[in-house]
Amino acid sequence: MREGTQEVPGAALRYRLSGTPGKLPLIVLENGWGASYDYFARFEDALTPHAQILLYNRAGIGGSVAREPQSAESMSRHLAALLDARGFHDPVVVAGQSYGGLICG
């Protein structure tokens, strides 16, 4: 498991990456409104044998910093920038819970 903070345009995002590096697909679990990535921690053990898992905190949540007004559109851009900065490309599966579903598009 690796944790860190990634600078992206408009935010600094805390993330946790688990599973075997390079194992595909990458699964991103998108939190509901106001929830940190700890919400999905219970799924990590079940999913990491099958895929690499990226959990992250949207700007303004759980140690992530917002540097611009937040909207579903800006948060989607942050996620795309995080994936790009960490070198993740297809295939990526993004699964959202509650408000997180808006960011998955």
PDB file of N, CA and C in Angstrom:
ATOM      1  N   MET A   1       0.853  -1.165   0.000  1.00  0.00           N
ATOM      2  CA  MET A   1       0.000   0.000   0.000  1.00  0.00           C
ATOM      3  C   MET A   1       0.902   1.233   0.000  1.00  0.00           C
ATOM      4  N   ARG A   2       0.587   2.164  -0.870  1.00  0.00           N
ATOM      5  CA  ARG A   2       1.347   3.401  -0.970  1.00  0.00           C
ATOM      6  C   ARG A   2       0.386   4.572  -0.800  1.00  0.00           C
ATOM      7  N   GLU A   3       0.801   5.548  -0.002  1.00  0.00           N
ATOM      8  CA  GLU A   3      -0.012   6.733   0.217  1.00  0.00           C
ATOM      9  C   GLU A   3       0.809   7.973  -0.110  1.00  0.00           C
ATOM     10  N   GLY A   4       0.124   9.027  -0.500  1.00  0.00           N
ATOM     11  CA  GLY A   4       0.823  10.267  -0.797  1.00  0.00           C
ATOM     12  C   GLY A   4      -0.154  11.372  -1.114  1.00  0.00           C
ATOM     13  N   THR A   5       0.409  12.496  -1.548  1.00  0.00           N
ATOM     14  CA  THR A   5      -0.366  13.646  -1.985  1.00  0.00           C
ATOM     15  C   THR A   5       0.089  14.013  -3.378  1.00  0.00           C
ATOM     16  N   GLN A   6      -0.858  14.225  -4.261  1.00  0.00           N
ATOM     17  CA  GLN A   6      -0.553  14.596  -5.642  1.00  0.00           C
ATOM     18  C   GLN A   6      -1.082  15.993  -5.917  1.00  0.00           C
ATOM     19  N   GLU A   7      -0.203  16.887  -6.367  1.00  0.00           N
ATOM     20  CA  GLU A   7      -0.622  18.214  -6.810  1.00  0.00           C
ATOM     21  C   GLU A   7      -1.266  18.090  -8.182  1.00  0.00           C
ATOM     22  N   VAL A   8      -2.437  18.658  -8.336  1.00  0.00           N
ATOM     23  CA  VAL A   8      -3.125  18.744  -9.623  1.00  0.00           C
ATOM     24  C   VAL A   8      -3.612  20.187  -9.758  1.00  0.00           C
ATOM     25  N   PRO A   9      -3.926  20.657 -10.969  1.00  0.00           N
ATOM     26  CA  PRO A   9      -4.429  22.021 -11.103  1.00  0.00           C
ATOM     27  C   PRO A   9      -5.688  22.228 -10.254  1.00  0.00           C
ATOM     28  N   GLY A  10      -5.605  23.151  -9.292  1.00  0.00           N
ATOM     29  CA  GLY A  10      -6.746  23.480  -8.454  1.00  0.00           C
ATOM     30  C   GLY A  10      -6.852  22.699  -7.160  1.00  0.00           C
ATOM     31  N   ALA A  11      -5.927  21.756  -6.902  1.00  0.00           N
ATOM     32  CA  ALA A  11      -6.050  20.949  -5.681  1.00  0.00           C
ATOM     33  C   ALA A  11      -4.756  20.187  -5.380  1.00  0.00           C
ATOM     34  N   ALA A  12      -4.678  19.727  -4.158  1.00  0.00           N
ATOM     35  CA  ALA A  12      -3.666  18.765  -3.729  1.00  0.00           C
ATOM     36  C   ALA A  12      -4.451  17.586  -3.161  1.00  0.00           C
ATOM     37  N   LEU A  13      -4.329  16.409  -3.784  1.00  0.00           N
ATOM     38  CA  LEU A  13      -5.184  15.268  -3.448  1.00  0.00           C
ATOM     39  C   LEU A  13      -4.412  14.181  -2.717  1.00  0.00           C
ATOM     40  N   ARG A  14      -4.938  13.801  -1.545  1.00  0.00           N
ATOM     41  CA  ARG A  14      -4.403  12.648  -0.801  1.00  0.00           C
ATOM     42  C   ARG A  14      -4.922  11.395  -1.487  1.00  0.00           C
ATOM     43  N   TYR A  15      -4.038  10.392  -1.627  1.00  0.00           N
ATOM     44  CA  TYR A  15      -4.446   9.142  -2.276  1.00  0.00           C
ATOM     45  C   TYR A  15      -3.806   7.946  -1.594  1.00  0.00           C
ATOM     46  N   ARG A  16      -4.400   6.804  -1.831  1.00  0.00           N
ATOM     47  CA  ARG A  16      -3.846   5.524  -1.373  1.00  0.00           C
ATOM     48  C   ARG A  16      -3.991   4.547  -2.518  1.00  0.00           C
ATOM     49  N   LEU A  17      -2.891   3.878  -2.846  1.00  0.00           N
ATOM     50  CA  LEU A  17      -2.846   2.918  -3.932  1.00  0.00           C
ATOM     51  C   LEU A  17      -2.496   1.568  -3.338  1.00  0.00           C
ATOM     52  N   SER A  18      -3.310   0.555  -3.624  1.00  0.00           N
ATOM     53  CA  SER A  18      -3.053  -0.777  -3.094  1.00  0.00           C
ATOM     54  C   SER A  18      -3.166  -1.804  -4.214  1.00  0.00           C
ATOM     55  N   GLY A  19      -2.641  -2.977  -3.946  1.00  0.00           N
ATOM     56  CA  GLY A  19      -2.620  -4.028  -4.954  1.00  0.00           C
ATOM     57  C   GLY A  19      -1.267  -4.088  -5.632  1.00  0.00           C
ATOM     58  N   THR A  20      -1.161  -4.950  -6.626  1.00  0.00           N
ATOM     59  CA  THR A  20       0.088  -5.159  -7.338  1.00  0.00           C
ATOM     60  C   THR A  20       0.293  -4.071  -8.384  1.00  0.00           C
ATOM     61  N   PRO A  21       1.412  -3.327  -8.332  1.00  0.00           N
ATOM     62  CA  PRO A  21       1.658  -2.295  -9.340  1.00  0.00           C
ATOM     63  C   PRO A  21       1.590  -2.880 -10.753  1.00  0.00           C
ATOM     64  N   GLY A  22       0.911  -2.170 -11.622  1.00  0.00           N
ATOM     65  CA  GLY A  22       0.784  -2.599 -13.010  1.00  0.00           C
ATOM     66  C   GLY A  22      -0.333  -3.582 -13.280  1.00  0.00           C
ATOM     67  N   LYS A  23      -0.922  -4.155 -12.218  1.00  0.00           N
ATOM     68  CA  LYS A  23      -2.016  -5.102 -12.409  1.00  0.00           C
ATOM     69  C   LYS A  23      -3.248  -4.353 -12.911  1.00  0.00           C
ATOM     70  N   LEU A  24      -3.857  -4.878 -13.961  1.00  0.00           N
ATOM     71  CA  LEU A  24      -5.022  -4.235 -14.556  1.00  0.00           C
ATOM     72  C   LEU A  24      -6.276  -5.031 -14.270  1.00  0.00           C
ATOM     73  N   PRO A  25      -7.419  -4.426 -14.165  1.00  0.00           N
ATOM     74  CA  PRO A  25      -7.619  -2.997 -14.347  1.00  0.00           C
ATOM     75  C   PRO A  25      -7.293  -2.220 -13.081  1.00  0.00           C
ATOM     76  N   LEU A  26      -7.156  -0.919 -13.218  1.00  0.00           N
ATOM     77  CA  LEU A  26      -7.103  -0.028 -12.075  1.00  0.00           C
ATOM     78  C   LEU A  26      -8.556   0.280 -11.730  1.00  0.00           C
ATOM     79  N   ILE A  27      -8.899   0.135 -10.448  1.00  0.00           N
ATOM     80  CA  ILE A  27     -10.243   0.478  -9.979  1.00  0.00           C
ATOM     81  C   ILE A  27     -10.130   1.690  -9.067  1.00  0.00           C
ATOM     82  N   VAL A  28     -10.867   2.742  -9.396  1.00  0.00           N
ATOM     83  CA  VAL A  28     -10.931   3.943  -8.577  1.00  0.00           C
ATOM     84  C   VAL A  28     -12.286   3.935  -7.881  1.00  0.00           C
ATOM     85  N   LEU A  29     -12.266   4.051  -6.564  1.00  0.00           N
ATOM     86  CA  LEU A  29     -13.510   4.097  -5.797  1.00  0.00           C
ATOM     87  C   LEU A  29     -13.746   5.543  -5.370  1.00  0.00           C
ATOM     88  N   GLU A  30     -14.851   6.104  -5.833  1.00  0.00           N
ATOM     89  CA  GLU A  30     -15.180   7.519  -5.621  1.00  0.00           C
ATOM     90  C   GLU A  30     -16.148   7.649  -4.458  1.00  0.00           C
ATOM     91  N   ASN A  31     -15.744   8.383  -3.430  1.00  0.00           N
ATOM     92  CA  ASN A  31     -16.511   8.531  -2.193  1.00  0.00           C
ATOM     93  C   ASN A  31     -17.788   9.333  -2.387  1.00  0.00           C
ATOM     94  N   GLY A  32     -18.709   9.130  -1.463  1.00  0.00           N
ATOM     95  CA  GLY A  32     -19.901   9.969  -1.405  1.00  0.00           C
ATOM     96  C   GLY A  32     -19.548  11.338  -0.832  1.00  0.00           C
ATOM     97  N   TRP A  33     -20.524  12.233  -0.809  1.00  0.00           N
ATOM     98  CA  TRP A  33     -20.321  13.597  -0.350  1.00  0.00           C
ATOM     99  C   TRP A  33     -19.758  13.626   1.068  1.00  0.00           C
ATOM    100  N   GLY A  34     -18.643  14.295   1.251  1.00  0.00           N
ATOM    101  CA  GLY A  34     -18.067  14.498   2.573  1.00  0.00           C
ATOM    102  C   GLY A  34     -17.336  13.309   3.154  1.00  0.00           C
ATOM    103  N   ALA A  35     -17.344  12.161   2.494  1.00  0.00           N
ATOM    104  CA  ALA A  35     -16.682  10.960   3.030  1.00  0.00           C
ATOM    105  C   ALA A  35     -15.234  10.899   2.545  1.00  0.00           C
ATOM    106  N   SER A  36     -14.350  10.407   3.403  1.00  0.00           N
ATOM    107  CA  SER A  36     -12.955  10.220   3.005  1.00  0.00           C
ATOM    108  C   SER A  36     -12.788   8.824   2.410  1.00  0.00           C
ATOM    109  N   TYR A  37     -11.602   8.557   1.878  1.00  0.00           N
ATOM    110  CA  TYR A  37     -11.373   7.242   1.284  1.00  0.00           C
ATOM    111  C   TYR A  37     -11.429   6.113   2.305  1.00  0.00           C
ATOM    112  N   ASP A  38     -11.400   6.438   3.582  1.00  0.00           N
ATOM    113  CA  ASP A  38     -11.531   5.388   4.597  1.00  0.00           C
ATOM    114  C   ASP A  38     -12.854   4.645   4.476  1.00  0.00           C
ATOM    115  N   TYR A  39     -13.864   5.297   3.883  1.00  0.00           N
ATOM    116  CA  TYR A  39     -15.165   4.658   3.675  1.00  0.00           C
ATOM    117  C   TYR A  39     -15.015   3.366   2.878  1.00  0.00           C
ATOM    118  N   PHE A  40     -14.113   3.350   1.895  1.00  0.00           N
ATOM    119  CA  PHE A  40     -13.940   2.189   1.024  1.00  0.00           C
ATOM    120  C   PHE A  40     -12.839   1.235   1.483  1.00  0.00           C
ATOM    121  N   ALA A  41     -12.193   1.510   2.585  1.00  0.00           N
ATOM    122  CA  ALA A  41     -11.078   0.675   3.034  1.00  0.00           C
ATOM    123  C   ALA A  41     -11.491  -0.789   3.203  1.00  0.00           C
ATOM    124  N   ARG A  42     -12.712  -1.032   3.568  1.00  0.00           N
ATOM    125  CA  ARG A  42     -13.160  -2.413   3.787  1.00  0.00           C
ATOM    126  C   ARG A  42     -13.198  -3.222   2.494  1.00  0.00           C
ATOM    127  N   PHE A  43     -13.222  -2.560   1.357  1.00  0.00           N
ATOM    128  CA  PHE A  43     -13.238  -3.264   0.076  1.00  0.00           C
ATOM    129  C   PHE A  43     -11.841  -3.587  -0.458  1.00  0.00           C
ATOM    130  N   GLU A  44     -10.835  -2.933   0.060  1.00  0.00           N
ATOM    131  CA  GLU A  44      -9.477  -3.109  -0.463  1.00  0.00           C
ATOM    132  C   GLU A  44      -9.018  -4.564  -0.437  1.00  0.00           C
ATOM    133  N   ASP A  45      -9.124  -5.208   0.705  1.00  0.00           N
ATOM    134  CA  ASP A  45      -8.643  -6.589   0.815  1.00  0.00           C
ATOM    135  C   ASP A  45      -9.339  -7.519  -0.166  1.00  0.00           C
ATOM    136  N   ALA A  46     -10.618  -7.300  -0.392  1.00  0.00           N
ATOM    137  CA  ALA A  46     -11.370  -8.159  -1.310  1.00  0.00           C
ATOM    138  C   ALA A  46     -10.994  -7.906  -2.767  1.00  0.00           C
ATOM    139  N   LEU A  47     -10.645  -6.664  -3.104  1.00  0.00           N
ATOM    140  CA  LEU A  47     -10.402  -6.318  -4.501  1.00  0.00           C
ATOM    141  C   LEU A  47      -8.946  -6.409  -4.939  1.00  0.00           C
ATOM    142  N   THR A  48      -7.995  -6.201  -4.022  1.00  0.00           N
ATOM    143  CA  THR A  48      -6.595  -6.141  -4.441  1.00  0.00           C
ATOM    144  C   THR A  48      -6.048  -7.425  -5.063  1.00  0.00           C
ATOM    145  N   PRO A  49      -6.568  -8.627  -4.778  1.00  0.00           N
ATOM    146  CA  PRO A  49      -6.055  -9.788  -5.505  1.00  0.00           C
ATOM    147  C   PRO A  49      -6.418  -9.761  -6.994  1.00  0.00           C
ATOM    148  N   HIS A  50      -7.409  -8.953  -7.360  1.00  0.00           N
ATOM    149  CA  HIS A  50      -7.930  -8.953  -8.721  1.00  0.00           C
ATOM    150  C   HIS A  50      -7.567  -7.709  -9.519  1.00  0.00           C
ATOM    151  N   ALA A  51      -7.170  -6.641  -8.843  1.00  0.00           N
ATOM    152  CA  ALA A  51      -6.923  -5.369  -9.523  1.00  0.00           C
ATOM    153  C   ALA A  51      -6.098  -4.463  -8.620  1.00  0.00           C
ATOM    154  N   GLN A  52      -5.598  -3.404  -9.202  1.00  0.00           N
ATOM    155  CA  GLN A  52      -4.956  -2.364  -8.424  1.00  0.00           C
ATOM    156  C   GLN A  52      -6.053  -1.369  -8.040  1.00  0.00           C
ATOM    157  N   ILE A  53      -6.023  -0.871  -6.797  1.00  0.00           N
ATOM    158  CA  ILE A  53      -7.086  -0.026  -6.265  1.00  0.00           C
ATOM    159  C   ILE A  53      -6.525   1.353  -5.939  1.00  0.00           C
ATOM    160  N   LEU A  54      -7.208   2.387  -6.421  1.00  0.00           N
ATOM    161  CA  LEU A  54      -6.852   3.760  -6.084  1.00  0.00           C
ATOM    162  C   LEU A  54      -7.998   4.370  -5.291  1.00  0.00           C
ATOM    163  N   LEU A  55      -7.701   4.762  -4.067  1.00  0.00           N
ATOM    164  CA  LEU A  55      -8.634   5.518  -3.236  1.00  0.00           C
ATOM    165  C   LEU A  55      -8.051   6.918  -3.122  1.00  0.00           C
ATOM    166  N   TYR A  56      -8.888   7.936  -3.164  1.00  0.00           N
ATOM    167  CA  TYR A  56      -8.374   9.291  -2.982  1.00  0.00           C
ATOM    168  C   TYR A  56      -9.445  10.138  -2.317  1.00  0.00           C
ATOM    169  N   ASN A  57      -8.997  11.229  -1.732  1.00  0.00           N
ATOM    170  CA  ASN A  57      -9.912  12.178  -1.112  1.00  0.00           C
ATOM    171  C   ASN A  57     -10.061  13.375  -2.023  1.00  0.00           C
ATOM    172  N   ARG A  58     -11.303  13.702  -2.364  1.00  0.00           N
ATOM    173  CA  ARG A  58     -11.543  14.896  -3.169  1.00  0.00           C
ATOM    174  C   ARG A  58     -11.045  16.128  -2.422  1.00  0.00           C
ATOM    175  N   ALA A  59     -10.808  17.192  -3.175  1.00  0.00           N
ATOM    176  CA  ALA A  59     -10.338  18.449  -2.593  1.00  0.00           C
ATOM    177  C   ALA A  59     -11.259  18.886  -1.461  1.00  0.00           C
ATOM    178  N   GLY A  60     -10.650  19.248  -0.329  1.00  0.00           N
ATOM    179  CA  GLY A  60     -11.405  19.705   0.831  1.00  0.00           C
ATOM    180  C   GLY A  60     -11.808  18.607   1.801  1.00  0.00           C
ATOM    181  N   ILE A  61     -11.447  17.352   1.502  1.00  0.00           N
ATOM    182  CA  ILE A  61     -11.823  16.218   2.352  1.00  0.00           C
ATOM    183  C   ILE A  61     -10.565  15.441   2.759  1.00  0.00           C
ATOM    184  N   GLY A  62     -10.488  15.030   4.020  1.00  0.00           N
ATOM    185  CA  GLY A  62      -9.466  14.097   4.480  1.00  0.00           C
ATOM    186  C   GLY A  62      -8.031  14.456   4.146  1.00  0.00           C
ATOM    187  N   GLY A  63      -7.663  15.718   4.322  1.00  0.00           N
ATOM    188  CA  GLY A  63      -6.292  16.133   4.074  1.00  0.00           C
ATOM    189  C   GLY A  63      -6.031  16.627   2.661  1.00  0.00           C
ATOM    190  N   SER A  64      -6.981  16.481   1.751  1.00  0.00           N
ATOM    191  CA  SER A  64      -6.846  17.051   0.409  1.00  0.00           C
ATOM    192  C   SER A  64      -7.215  18.534   0.474  1.00  0.00           C
ATOM    193  N   VAL A  65      -6.538  19.340  -0.341  1.00  0.00           N
ATOM    194  CA  VAL A  65      -6.700  20.781  -0.282  1.00  0.00           C
ATOM    195  C   VAL A  65      -7.346  21.296  -1.570  1.00  0.00           C
ATOM    196  N   ALA A  66      -8.385  22.118  -1.410  1.00  0.00           N
ATOM    197  CA  ALA A  66      -9.038  22.767  -2.551  1.00  0.00           C
ATOM    198  C   ALA A  66      -8.389  24.123  -2.772  1.00  0.00           C
ATOM    199  N   ARG A  67      -8.046  24.405  -4.023  1.00  0.00           N
ATOM    200  CA  ARG A  67      -7.464  25.695  -4.363  1.00  0.00           C
ATOM    201  C   ARG A  67      -8.323  26.454  -5.378  1.00  0.00           C
ATOM    202  N   GLU A  68      -9.567  25.984  -5.557  1.00  0.00           N
ATOM    203  CA  GLU A  68     -10.523  26.632  -6.445  1.00  0.00           C
ATOM    204  C   GLU A  68     -11.913  26.235  -5.975  1.00  0.00           C
ATOM    205  N   PRO A  69     -12.940  26.966  -6.389  1.00  0.00           N
ATOM    206  CA  PRO A  69     -14.309  26.571  -6.037  1.00  0.00           C
ATOM    207  C   PRO A  69     -14.598  25.156  -6.546  1.00  0.00           C
ATOM    208  N   GLN A  70     -15.350  24.395  -5.752  1.00  0.00           N
ATOM    209  CA  GLN A  70     -15.622  23.003  -6.078  1.00  0.00           C
ATOM    210  C   GLN A  70     -16.962  22.826  -6.783  1.00  0.00           C
ATOM    211  N   SER A  71     -16.959  21.984  -7.802  1.00  0.00           N
ATOM    212  CA  SER A  71     -18.169  21.586  -8.518  1.00  0.00           C
ATOM    213  C   SER A  71     -17.930  20.161  -8.994  1.00  0.00           C
ATOM    214  N   ALA A  72     -18.970  19.495  -9.446  1.00  0.00           N
ATOM    215  CA  ALA A  72     -18.787  18.140  -9.988  1.00  0.00           C
ATOM    216  C   ALA A  72     -17.809  18.181 -11.156  1.00  0.00           C
ATOM    217  N   GLU A  73     -17.873  19.235 -11.971  1.00  0.00           N
ATOM    218  CA  GLU A  73     -16.970  19.356 -13.118  1.00  0.00           C
ATOM    219  C   GLU A  73     -15.513  19.516 -12.683  1.00  0.00           C
ATOM    220  N   SER A  74     -15.259  20.398 -11.704  1.00  0.00           N
ATOM    221  CA  SER A  74     -13.873  20.598 -11.260  1.00  0.00           C
ATOM    222  C   SER A  74     -13.338  19.340 -10.584  1.00  0.00           C
ATOM    223  N   MET A  75     -14.186  18.641  -9.840  1.00  0.00           N
ATOM    224  CA  MET A  75     -13.738  17.416  -9.183  1.00  0.00           C
ATOM    225  C   MET A  75     -13.452  16.320 -10.207  1.00  0.00           C
ATOM    226  N   SER A  76     -14.207  16.268 -11.284  1.00  0.00           N
ATOM    227  CA  SER A  76     -13.921  15.316 -12.361  1.00  0.00           C
ATOM    228  C   SER A  76     -12.572  15.632 -13.006  1.00  0.00           C
ATOM    229  N   ARG A  77     -12.304  16.924 -13.199  1.00  0.00           N
ATOM    230  CA  ARG A  77     -10.995  17.328 -13.748  1.00  0.00           C
ATOM    231  C   ARG A  77      -9.867  16.944 -12.808  1.00  0.00           C
ATOM    232  N   HIS A  78     -10.085  17.113 -11.503  1.00  0.00           N
ATOM    233  CA  HIS A  78      -9.060  16.736 -10.524  1.00  0.00           C
ATOM    234  C   HIS A  78      -8.749  15.244 -10.629  1.00  0.00           C
ATOM    235  N   LEU A  79      -9.794  14.417 -10.714  1.00  0.00           N
ATOM    236  CA  LEU A  79      -9.580  12.975 -10.825  1.00  0.00           C
ATOM    237  C   LEU A  79      -8.807  12.642 -12.100  1.00  0.00           C
ATOM    238  N   ALA A  80      -9.196  13.230 -13.216  1.00  0.00           N
ATOM    239  CA  ALA A  80      -8.494  12.968 -14.476  1.00  0.00           C
ATOM    240  C   ALA A  80      -7.027  13.386 -14.371  1.00  0.00           C
ATOM    241  N   ALA A  81      -6.768  14.526 -13.731  1.00  0.00           N
ATOM    242  CA  ALA A  81      -5.387  14.998 -13.567  1.00  0.00           C
ATOM    243  C   ALA A  81      -4.602  14.083 -12.632  1.00  0.00           C
ATOM    244  N   LEU A  82      -5.243  13.581 -11.588  1.00  0.00           N
ATOM    245  CA  LEU A  82      -4.584  12.634 -10.678  1.00  0.00           C
ATOM    246  C   LEU A  82      -4.181  11.373 -11.420  1.00  0.00           C
ATOM    247  N   LEU A  83      -5.100  10.814 -12.195  1.00  0.00           N
ATOM    248  CA  LEU A  83      -4.798   9.607 -12.968  1.00  0.00           C
ATOM    249  C   LEU A  83      -3.647   9.858 -13.946  1.00  0.00           C
ATOM    250  N   ASP A  84      -3.685  10.992 -14.622  1.00  0.00           N
ATOM    251  CA  ASP A  84      -2.632  11.314 -15.575  1.00  0.00           C
ATOM    252  C   ASP A  84      -1.286  11.493 -14.873  1.00  0.00           C
ATOM    253  N   ALA A  85      -1.278  12.239 -13.767  1.00  0.00           N
ATOM    254  CA  ALA A  85      -0.041  12.498 -13.030  1.00  0.00           C
ATOM    255  C   ALA A  85       0.590  11.219 -12.484  1.00  0.00           C
ATOM    256  N   ARG A  86      -0.240  10.261 -12.096  1.00  0.00           N
ATOM    257  CA  ARG A  86       0.281   9.004 -11.550  1.00  0.00           C
ATOM    258  C   ARG A  86       0.582   7.994 -12.664  1.00  0.00           C
ATOM    259  N   GLY A  87       0.310   8.368 -13.919  1.00  0.00           N
ATOM    260  CA  GLY A  87       0.641   7.506 -15.056  1.00  0.00           C
ATOM    261  C   GLY A  87      -0.368   6.413 -15.337  1.00  0.00           C
ATOM    262  N   PHE A  88      -1.616   6.608 -14.903  1.00  0.00           N
ATOM    263  CA  PHE A  88      -2.648   5.603 -15.135  1.00  0.00           C
ATOM    264  C   PHE A  88      -3.441   5.934 -16.388  1.00  0.00           C
ATOM    265  N   HIS A  89      -3.553   4.956 -17.240  1.00  0.00           N
ATOM    266  CA  HIS A  89      -4.316   5.094 -18.477  1.00  0.00           C
ATOM    267  C   HIS A  89      -5.211   3.868 -18.585  1.00  0.00           C
ATOM    268  N   ASP A  90      -5.898   3.696 -19.682  1.00  0.00           N
ATOM    269  CA  ASP A  90      -6.829   2.577 -19.846  1.00  0.00           C
ATOM    270  C   ASP A  90      -6.164   1.245 -19.544  1.00  0.00           C
ATOM    271  N   PRO A  91      -6.861   0.289 -19.018  1.00  0.00           N
ATOM    272  CA  PRO A  91      -8.244   0.384 -18.550  1.00  0.00           C
ATOM    273  C   PRO A  91      -8.328   0.893 -17.106  1.00  0.00           C
ATOM    274  N   VAL A  92      -9.266   1.789 -16.881  1.00  0.00           N
ATOM    275  CA  VAL A  92      -9.561   2.317 -15.556  1.00  0.00           C
ATOM    276  C   VAL A  92     -11.057   2.171 -15.335  1.00  0.00           C
ATOM    277  N   VAL A  93     -11.427   1.573 -14.212  1.00  0.00           N
ATOM    278  CA  VAL A  93     -12.833   1.431 -13.825  1.00  0.00           C
ATOM    279  C   VAL A  93     -13.057   2.385 -12.659  1.00  0.00           C
ATOM    280  N   VAL A  94     -14.042   3.279 -12.788  1.00  0.00           N
ATOM    281  CA  VAL A  94     -14.352   4.230 -11.720  1.00  0.00           C
ATOM    282  C   VAL A  94     -15.745   3.913 -11.206  1.00  0.00           C
ATOM    283  N   ALA A  95     -15.840   3.646  -9.908  1.00  0.00           N
ATOM    284  CA  ALA A  95     -17.125   3.322  -9.284  1.00  0.00           C
ATOM    285  C   ALA A  95     -17.405   4.351  -8.203  1.00  0.00           C
ATOM    286  N   GLY A  96     -18.560   5.000  -8.299  1.00  0.00           N
ATOM    287  CA  GLY A  96     -18.900   6.040  -7.349  1.00  0.00           C
ATOM    288  C   GLY A  96     -20.061   5.665  -6.457  1.00  0.00           C
ATOM    289  N   GLN A  97     -20.001   6.161  -5.225  1.00  0.00           N
ATOM    290  CA  GLN A  97     -21.060   5.955  -4.246  1.00  0.00           C
ATOM    291  C   GLN A  97     -21.724   7.300  -4.002  1.00  0.00           C
ATOM    292  N   SER A  98     -23.033   7.373  -4.129  1.00  0.00           N
ATOM    293  CA  SER A  98     -23.811   8.572  -3.870  1.00  0.00           C
ATOM    294  C   SER A  98     -23.304   9.737  -4.725  1.00  0.00           C
ATOM    295  N   TYR A  99     -22.937  10.862  -4.116  1.00  0.00           N
ATOM    296  CA  TYR A  99     -22.470  12.027  -4.865  1.00  0.00           C
ATOM    297  C   TYR A  99     -21.263  11.689  -5.746  1.00  0.00           C
ATOM    298  N   GLY A 100     -20.460  10.724  -5.324  1.00  0.00           N
ATOM    299  CA  GLY A 100     -19.301  10.311  -6.104  1.00  0.00           C
ATOM    300  C   GLY A 100     -19.662   9.850  -7.505  1.00  0.00           C
ATOM    301  N   GLY A 101     -20.888   9.402  -7.702  1.00  0.00           N
ATOM    302  CA  GLY A 101     -21.328   8.981  -9.026  1.00  0.00           C
ATOM    303  C   GLY A 101     -21.310  10.111 -10.042  1.00  0.00           C
ATOM    304  N   LEU A 102     -21.494  11.348  -9.578  1.00  0.00           N
ATOM    305  CA  LEU A 102     -21.452  12.498 -10.489  1.00  0.00           C
ATOM    306  C   LEU A 102     -20.057  12.735 -11.039  1.00  0.00           C
ATOM    307  N   ILE A 103     -19.045  12.357 -10.281  1.00  0.00           N
ATOM    308  CA  ILE A 103     -17.666  12.617 -10.665  1.00  0.00           C
ATOM    309  C   ILE A 103     -17.164  11.542 -11.635  1.00  0.00           C
ATOM    310  N   CYS A 104     -17.821  10.415 -11.649  1.00  0.00           N
ATOM    311  CA  CYS A 104     -17.356   9.268 -12.455  1.00  0.00           C
ATOM    312  C   CYS A 104     -17.488   9.465 -13.950  1.00  0.00           C
ATOM    313  N   GLY A 105     -18.319  10.375 -14.405  1.00  0.00           N
ATOM    314  CA  GLY A 105     -18.553  10.569 -15.822  1.00  0.00           C
ATOM    315  C   GLY A 105     -17.381  11.115 -16.506  1.00  0.00           C
TER     316      GLY A 105
END
